[in-house]
PDB file of N, CA and C in Angstrom:
ATOM      1  N   UNK A   1     -64.689  71.560 -30.931  1.00  0.00           N
ATOM      2  CA  UNK A   1     -64.412  71.152 -29.862  1.00  0.00           C
ATOM      3  C   UNK A   1     -65.517  69.795 -29.526  1.00  0.00           C
ATOM      4  N   UNK A   2     -64.661  69.057 -29.084  1.00  0.00           N
ATOM      5  CA  UNK A   2     -65.537  67.672 -28.264  1.00  0.00           C
ATOM      6  C   UNK A   2     -66.570  68.494 -27.113  1.00  0.00           C
ATOM      7  N   UNK A   3     -67.914  67.760 -27.082  1.00  0.00           N
ATOM      8  CA  UNK A   3     -68.673  68.338 -26.174  1.00  0.00           C
ATOM      9  C   UNK A   3     -68.147  68.080 -24.438  1.00  0.00           C
ATOM     10  N   UNK A   4     -67.336  66.947 -24.699  1.00  0.00           N
ATOM     11  CA  UNK A   4     -66.397  66.750 -23.307  1.00  0.00           C
ATOM     12  C   UNK A   4     -65.268  67.135 -22.840  1.00  0.00           C
ATOM     13  N   UNK A   5     -65.388  68.291 -23.555  1.00  0.00           N
ATOM     14  CA  UNK A   5     -64.462  69.551 -23.132  1.00  0.00           C
ATOM     15  C   UNK A   5     -64.800  70.690 -22.769  1.00  0.00           C
ATOM     16  N   UNK A   6     -65.918  70.747 -22.612  1.00  0.00           N
ATOM     17  CA  UNK A   6     -66.723  71.937 -22.551  1.00  0.00           C
ATOM     18  C   UNK A   6     -66.885  72.025 -20.964  1.00  0.00           C
ATOM     19  N   UNK A   7     -66.813  73.110 -19.843  1.00  0.00           N
ATOM     20  CA  UNK A   7     -67.212  73.085 -18.641  1.00  0.00           C
ATOM     21  C   UNK A   7     -68.456  73.255 -18.383  1.00  0.00           C
ATOM     22  N   UNK A   8     -68.593  72.959 -16.989  1.00  0.00           N
ATOM     23  CA  UNK A   8     -70.317  73.136 -16.317  1.00  0.00           C
ATOM     24  C   UNK A   8     -70.806  74.440 -16.383  1.00  0.00           C
ATOM     25  N   UNK A   9     -72.037  74.377 -16.671  1.00  0.00           N
ATOM     26  CA  UNK A   9     -72.697  75.352 -17.025  1.00  0.00           C
ATOM     27  C   UNK A   9     -72.843  76.287 -18.504  1.00  0.00           C
ATOM     28  N   UNK A  10     -71.995  75.693 -19.064  1.00  0.00           N
ATOM     29  CA  UNK A  10     -71.714  76.033 -20.410  1.00  0.00           C
ATOM     30  C   UNK A  10     -72.610  75.904 -21.578  1.00  0.00           C
ATOM     31  N   UNK A  11     -72.918  76.482 -22.438  1.00  0.00           N
ATOM     32  CA  UNK A  11     -73.844  76.168 -23.518  1.00  0.00           C
ATOM     33  C   UNK A  11     -73.263  76.426 -24.608  1.00  0.00           C
ATOM     34  N   UNK A  12     -73.256  75.091 -25.481  1.00  0.00           N
ATOM     35  CA  UNK A  12     -72.765  75.630 -26.997  1.00  0.00           C
ATOM     36  C   UNK A  12     -73.853  74.650 -27.975  1.00  0.00           C
ATOM     37  N   UNK A  13     -73.750  75.294 -29.149  1.00  0.00           N
ATOM     38  CA  UNK A  13     -74.247  74.623 -30.218  1.00  0.00           C
ATOM     39  C   UNK A  13     -73.769  73.036 -30.962  1.00  0.00           C
ATOM     40  N   UNK A  14     -74.787  71.960 -31.455  1.00  0.00           N
ATOM     41  CA  UNK A  14     -74.040  71.038 -31.680  1.00  0.00           C
ATOM     42  C   UNK A  14     -73.521  71.405 -33.285  1.00  0.00           C
ATOM     43  N   UNK A  15     -72.593  71.244 -34.179  1.00  0.00           N
ATOM     44  CA  UNK A  15     -72.208  70.869 -35.480  1.00  0.00           C
ATOM     45  C   UNK A  15     -71.804  70.039 -35.884  1.00  0.00           C
ATOM     46  N   UNK A  16     -71.564  68.849 -35.332  1.00  0.00           N
ATOM     47  CA  UNK A  16     -71.485  67.327 -35.636  1.00  0.00           C
ATOM     48  C   UNK A  16     -71.852  66.161 -35.137  1.00  0.00           C
ATOM     49  N   UNK A  17     -72.128  65.139 -35.230  1.00  0.00           N
ATOM     50  CA  UNK A  17     -71.915  64.011 -34.555  1.00  0.00           C
ATOM     51  C   UNK A  17     -71.142  63.129 -35.379  1.00  0.00           C
ATOM     52  N   UNK A  18     -70.055  62.549 -34.598  1.00  0.00           N
ATOM     53  CA  UNK A  18     -69.106  61.822 -35.845  1.00  0.00           C
ATOM     54  C   UNK A  18     -68.987  60.373 -34.773  1.00  0.00           C
ATOM     55  N   UNK A  19     -69.993  59.267 -35.417  1.00  0.00           N
ATOM     56  CA  UNK A  19     -70.318  58.252 -34.824  1.00  0.00           C
ATOM     57  C   UNK A  19     -71.057  57.500 -35.930  1.00  0.00           C
ATOM     58  N   UNK A  20     -70.999  56.484 -35.560  1.00  0.00           N
ATOM     59  CA  UNK A  20     -71.633  54.979 -36.340  1.00  0.00           C
ATOM     60  C   UNK A  20     -73.228  55.430 -36.922  1.00  0.00           C
ATOM     61  N   UNK A  21     -73.472  55.285 -37.603  1.00  0.00           N
ATOM     62  CA  UNK A  21     -75.084  55.600 -38.259  1.00  0.00           C
ATOM     63  C   UNK A  21     -75.931  55.094 -37.025  1.00  0.00           C
ATOM     64  N   UNK A  22     -75.583  54.119 -36.288  1.00  0.00           N
ATOM     65  CA  UNK A  22     -76.999  53.269 -35.425  1.00  0.00           C
ATOM     66  C   UNK A  22     -76.862  54.605 -33.937  1.00  0.00           C
ATOM     67  N   UNK A  23     -75.655  54.502 -33.807  1.00  0.00           N
ATOM     68  CA  UNK A  23     -75.306  55.569 -32.252  1.00  0.00           C
ATOM     69  C   UNK A  23     -75.888  57.009 -32.814  1.00  0.00           C
ATOM     70  N   UNK A  24     -75.723  57.492 -33.890  1.00  0.00           N
ATOM     71  CA  UNK A  24     -76.389  58.521 -34.345  1.00  0.00           C
ATOM     72  C   UNK A  24     -77.652  59.038 -34.655  1.00  0.00           C
ATOM     73  N   UNK A  25     -78.632  57.718 -34.747  1.00  0.00           N
ATOM     74  CA  UNK A  25     -79.991  57.885 -34.767  1.00  0.00           C
ATOM     75  C   UNK A  25     -80.297  58.036 -33.299  1.00  0.00           C
ATOM     76  N   UNK A  26     -79.722  56.977 -32.540  1.00  0.00           N
ATOM     77  CA  UNK A  26     -79.772  56.804 -31.293  1.00  0.00           C
ATOM     78  C   UNK A  26     -79.759  58.489 -30.212  1.00  0.00           C
ATOM     79  N   UNK A  27     -78.649  59.236 -30.797  1.00  0.00           N
ATOM     80  CA  UNK A  27     -78.393  60.206 -30.425  1.00  0.00           C
ATOM     81  C   UNK A  27     -79.372  61.332 -30.675  1.00  0.00           C
ATOM     82  N   UNK A  28     -79.840  61.209 -32.065  1.00  0.00           N
ATOM     83  CA  UNK A  28     -80.926  62.081 -32.634  1.00  0.00           C
ATOM     84  C   UNK A  28     -82.347  61.879 -32.147  1.00  0.00           C
ATOM     85  N   UNK A  29     -82.342  60.545 -31.391  1.00  0.00           N
ATOM     86  CA  UNK A  29     -83.772  60.139 -30.887  1.00  0.00           C
ATOM     87  C   UNK A  29     -83.932  61.231 -29.361  1.00  0.00           C
ATOM     88  N   UNK A  30     -82.601  61.237 -28.723  1.00  0.00           N
ATOM     89  CA  UNK A  30     -82.409  61.869 -27.563  1.00  0.00           C
ATOM     90  C   UNK A  30     -82.304  63.333 -27.338  1.00  0.00           C
ATOM     91  N   UNK A  31     -82.438  63.942 -29.197  1.00  0.00           N
ATOM     92  CA  UNK A  31     -82.429  65.433 -29.074  1.00  0.00           C
ATOM     93  C   UNK A  31     -81.156  65.909 -29.740  1.00  0.00           C
ATOM     94  N   UNK A  32     -80.293  64.965 -29.715  1.00  0.00           N
ATOM     95  CA  UNK A  32     -78.991  65.505 -30.267  1.00  0.00           C
ATOM     96  C   UNK A  32     -78.435  65.939 -31.441  1.00  0.00           C
ATOM     97  N   UNK A  33     -79.416  66.843 -32.116  1.00  0.00           N
ATOM     98  CA  UNK A  33     -79.472  67.191 -33.281  1.00  0.00           C
ATOM     99  C   UNK A  33     -78.447  68.114 -33.830  1.00  0.00           C
ATOM    100  N   UNK A  34     -77.682  68.562 -35.105  1.00  0.00           N
ATOM    101  CA  UNK A  34     -77.186  69.556 -35.320  1.00  0.00           C
ATOM    102  C   UNK A  34     -78.059  70.497 -35.099  1.00  0.00           C
ATOM    103  N   UNK A  35     -77.316  71.700 -34.759  1.00  0.00           N
ATOM    104  CA  UNK A  35     -77.987  72.768 -34.591  1.00  0.00           C
ATOM    105  C   UNK A  35     -78.424  73.237 -33.066  1.00  0.00           C
ATOM    106  N   UNK A  36     -79.021  72.122 -32.231  1.00  0.00           N
ATOM    107  CA  UNK A  36     -79.744  72.328 -30.911  1.00  0.00           C
ATOM    108  C   UNK A  36     -78.572  73.033 -30.486  1.00  0.00           C
ATOM    109  N   UNK A  37     -78.778  73.387 -29.116  1.00  0.00           N
ATOM    110  CA  UNK A  37     -78.359  73.712 -27.979  1.00  0.00           C
ATOM    111  C   UNK A  37     -77.902  72.653 -27.136  1.00  0.00           C
ATOM    112  N   UNK A  38     -76.862  72.631 -26.313  1.00  0.00           N
ATOM    113  CA  UNK A  38     -76.742  71.707 -24.982  1.00  0.00           C
ATOM    114  C   UNK A  38     -75.929  71.911 -24.233  1.00  0.00           C
ATOM    115  N   UNK A  39     -76.655  72.198 -23.100  1.00  0.00           N
ATOM    116  CA  UNK A  39     -75.594  72.630 -21.818  1.00  0.00           C
ATOM    117  C   UNK A  39     -75.160  71.646 -20.705  1.00  0.00           C
ATOM    118  N   UNK A  40     -74.234  71.578 -20.080  1.00  0.00           N
ATOM    119  CA  UNK A  40     -73.634  70.601 -19.115  1.00  0.00           C
ATOM    120  C   UNK A  40     -74.045  71.035 -17.846  1.00  0.00           C
ATOM    121  N   UNK A  41     -74.729  70.356 -17.003  1.00  0.00           N
ATOM    122  CA  UNK A  41     -75.410  70.986 -16.235  1.00  0.00           C
ATOM    123  C   UNK A  41     -74.765  70.007 -14.919  1.00  0.00           C
ATOM    124  N   UNK A  42     -73.770  68.727 -14.911  1.00  0.00           N
ATOM    125  CA  UNK A  42     -73.036  68.017 -13.883  1.00  0.00           C
ATOM    126  C   UNK A  42     -72.114  67.275 -14.628  1.00  0.00           C
ATOM    127  N   UNK A  43     -70.778  66.842 -13.847  1.00  0.00           N
ATOM    128  CA  UNK A  43     -70.105  65.796 -14.459  1.00  0.00           C
ATOM    129  C   UNK A  43     -69.531  65.157 -13.298  1.00  0.00           C
ATOM    130  N   UNK A  44     -69.254  63.609 -13.660  1.00  0.00           N
ATOM    131  CA  UNK A  44     -68.763  62.583 -12.978  1.00  0.00           C
ATOM    132  C   UNK A  44     -67.550  62.136 -13.440  1.00  0.00           C
ATOM    133  N   UNK A  45     -67.229  61.036 -12.571  1.00  0.00           N
ATOM    134  CA  UNK A  45     -65.917  60.556 -13.262  1.00  0.00           C
ATOM    135  C   UNK A  45     -66.195  59.683 -14.288  1.00  0.00           C
ATOM    136  N   UNK A  46     -67.701  59.028 -14.641  1.00  0.00           N
ATOM    137  CA  UNK A  46     -67.914  58.392 -15.902  1.00  0.00           C
ATOM    138  C   UNK A  46     -68.492  59.008 -16.514  1.00  0.00           C
ATOM    139  N   UNK A  47     -69.101  60.096 -16.869  1.00  0.00           N
ATOM    140  CA  UNK A  47     -69.708  60.850 -17.606  1.00  0.00           C
ATOM    141  C   UNK A  47     -69.997  61.900 -17.156  1.00  0.00           C
ATOM    142  N   UNK A  48     -70.921  62.723 -18.287  1.00  0.00           N
ATOM    143  CA  UNK A  48     -71.618  64.397 -18.028  1.00  0.00           C
ATOM    144  C   UNK A  48     -73.181  64.124 -17.999  1.00  0.00           C
ATOM    145  N   UNK A  49     -73.743  65.083 -17.300  1.00  0.00           N
ATOM    146  CA  UNK A  49     -75.144  65.284 -17.427  1.00  0.00           C
ATOM    147  C   UNK A  49     -75.472  66.126 -17.789  1.00  0.00           C
ATOM    148  N   UNK A  50     -76.720  66.509 -19.323  1.00  0.00           N
ATOM    149  CA  UNK A  50     -76.496  67.208 -20.110  1.00  0.00           C
ATOM    150  C   UNK A  50     -77.801  67.786 -20.135  1.00  0.00           C
ATOM    151  N   UNK A  51     -78.151  69.177 -20.354  1.00  0.00           N
ATOM    152  CA  UNK A  51     -79.296  69.547 -20.696  1.00  0.00           C
ATOM    153  C   UNK A  51     -80.054  69.840 -22.293  1.00  0.00           C
ATOM    154  N   UNK A  52     -80.863  69.349 -22.744  1.00  0.00           N
ATOM    155  CA  UNK A  52     -80.935  69.245 -24.189  1.00  0.00           C
ATOM    156  C   UNK A  52     -82.257  69.040 -24.576  1.00  0.00           C
ATOM    157  N   UNK A  53     -82.825  69.900 -25.335  1.00  0.00           N
ATOM    158  CA  UNK A  53     -84.356  70.400 -25.280  1.00  0.00           C
ATOM    159  C   UNK A  53     -85.079  69.916 -24.331  1.00  0.00           C
ATOM    160  N   UNK A  54     -84.483  70.763 -23.105  1.00  0.00           N
ATOM    161  CA  UNK A  54     -85.351  70.473 -22.039  1.00  0.00           C
ATOM    162  C   UNK A  54     -85.447  69.957 -21.202  1.00  0.00           C
ATOM    163  N   UNK A  55     -84.795  68.432 -21.451  1.00  0.00           N
ATOM    164  CA  UNK A  55     -84.489  67.242 -20.803  1.00  0.00           C
ATOM    165  C   UNK A  55     -82.762  66.826 -20.578  1.00  0.00           C
ATOM    166  N   UNK A  56     -82.946  66.243 -19.305  1.00  0.00           N
ATOM    167  CA  UNK A  56     -81.531  66.031 -18.651  1.00  0.00           C
ATOM    168  C   UNK A  56     -80.997  64.557 -19.283  1.00  0.00           C
ATOM    169  N   UNK A  57     -80.216  64.499 -19.786  1.00  0.00           N
ATOM    170  CA  UNK A  57     -79.365  63.121 -20.178  1.00  0.00           C
ATOM    171  C   UNK A  57     -77.896  62.880 -19.982  1.00  0.00           C
ATOM    172  N   UNK A  58     -77.893  61.735 -19.432  1.00  0.00           N
ATOM    173  CA  UNK A  58     -76.536  60.976 -19.088  1.00  0.00           C
ATOM    174  C   UNK A  58     -75.992  60.293 -20.013  1.00  0.00           C
ATOM    175  N   UNK A  59     -74.395  61.232 -20.296  1.00  0.00           N
ATOM    176  CA  UNK A  59     -74.014  60.533 -21.561  1.00  0.00           C
ATOM    177  C   UNK A  59     -72.372  59.812 -20.701  1.00  0.00           C
ATOM    178  N   UNK A  60     -71.555  59.137 -20.804  1.00  0.00           N
ATOM    179  CA  UNK A  60     -70.565  58.531 -20.697  1.00  0.00           C
ATOM    180  C   UNK A  60     -69.612  59.393 -21.933  1.00  0.00           C
ATOM    181  N   UNK A  61     -68.516  59.835 -21.265  1.00  0.00           N
ATOM    182  CA  UNK A  61     -67.287  60.506 -21.851  1.00  0.00           C
ATOM    183  C   UNK A  61     -66.430  60.103 -23.437  1.00  0.00           C
ATOM    184  N   UNK A  62     -66.798  58.963 -23.402  1.00  0.00           N
ATOM    185  CA  UNK A  62     -66.525  58.420 -24.932  1.00  0.00           C
ATOM    186  C   UNK A  62     -67.655  59.076 -25.920  1.00  0.00           C
ATOM    187  N   UNK A  63     -69.245  58.872 -25.477  1.00  0.00           N
ATOM    188  CA  UNK A  63     -69.988  59.040 -26.609  1.00  0.00           C
ATOM    189  C   UNK A  63     -69.512  60.429 -26.442  1.00  0.00           C
ATOM    190  N   UNK A  64     -69.970  61.606 -25.385  1.00  0.00           N
ATOM    191  CA  UNK A  64     -69.360  62.762 -25.574  1.00  0.00           C
ATOM    192  C   UNK A  64     -68.258  63.317 -26.354  1.00  0.00           C
ATOM    193  N   UNK A  65     -67.107  62.666 -26.633  1.00  0.00           N
ATOM    194  CA  UNK A  65     -66.540  63.047 -27.604  1.00  0.00           C
ATOM    195  C   UNK A  65     -66.673  62.807 -29.168  1.00  0.00           C
ATOM    196  N   UNK A  66     -67.991  61.929 -29.336  1.00  0.00           N
ATOM    197  CA  UNK A  66     -68.212  62.282 -30.756  1.00  0.00           C
ATOM    198  C   UNK A  66     -69.080  63.139 -31.291  1.00  0.00           C
ATOM    199  N   UNK A  67     -69.379  63.858 -30.252  1.00  0.00           N
ATOM    200  CA  UNK A  67     -70.297  65.106 -30.644  1.00  0.00           C
ATOM    201  C   UNK A  67     -69.120  66.699 -30.440  1.00  0.00           C
ATOM    202  N   UNK A  68     -69.289  67.196 -31.412  1.00  0.00           N
ATOM    203  CA  UNK A  68     -68.758  68.429 -31.725  1.00  0.00           C
ATOM    204  C   UNK A  68     -69.709  69.456 -32.020  1.00  0.00           C
ATOM    205  N   UNK A  69     -69.065  70.560 -30.823  1.00  0.00           N
ATOM    206  CA  UNK A  69     -70.000  71.825 -30.503  1.00  0.00           C
ATOM    207  C   UNK A  69     -69.138  73.038 -31.116  1.00  0.00           C
ATOM    208  N   UNK A  70     -69.626  74.026 -30.785  1.00  0.00           N
ATOM    209  CA  UNK A  70     -68.816  75.091 -31.352  1.00  0.00           C
ATOM    210  C   UNK A  70     -69.563  76.483 -30.317  1.00  0.00           C
TER     211      UNK A  70
END
C-alpha cells in the first residue's frame, strides 16, 4: 500500500521505495529507510506531514505514492 493511502495518526513500516536512485537517496537522507516506522501527522491538499525518526517531514502526494508501507 502506498504511504499516501493511509490515514492520519496511522503508523506503518516502510517496505520499499519505488523511485529513481537520486530521489531514493534524498528520501533515505531524510530517514525514509526500509524497515523504519513512519506516521502521518497531518494532511493538506498538496501533501502530507509525516513523522519519521522523530522529525516532521513534508512530502507531496506524488512522492508519497512511491513509498510502499505495510
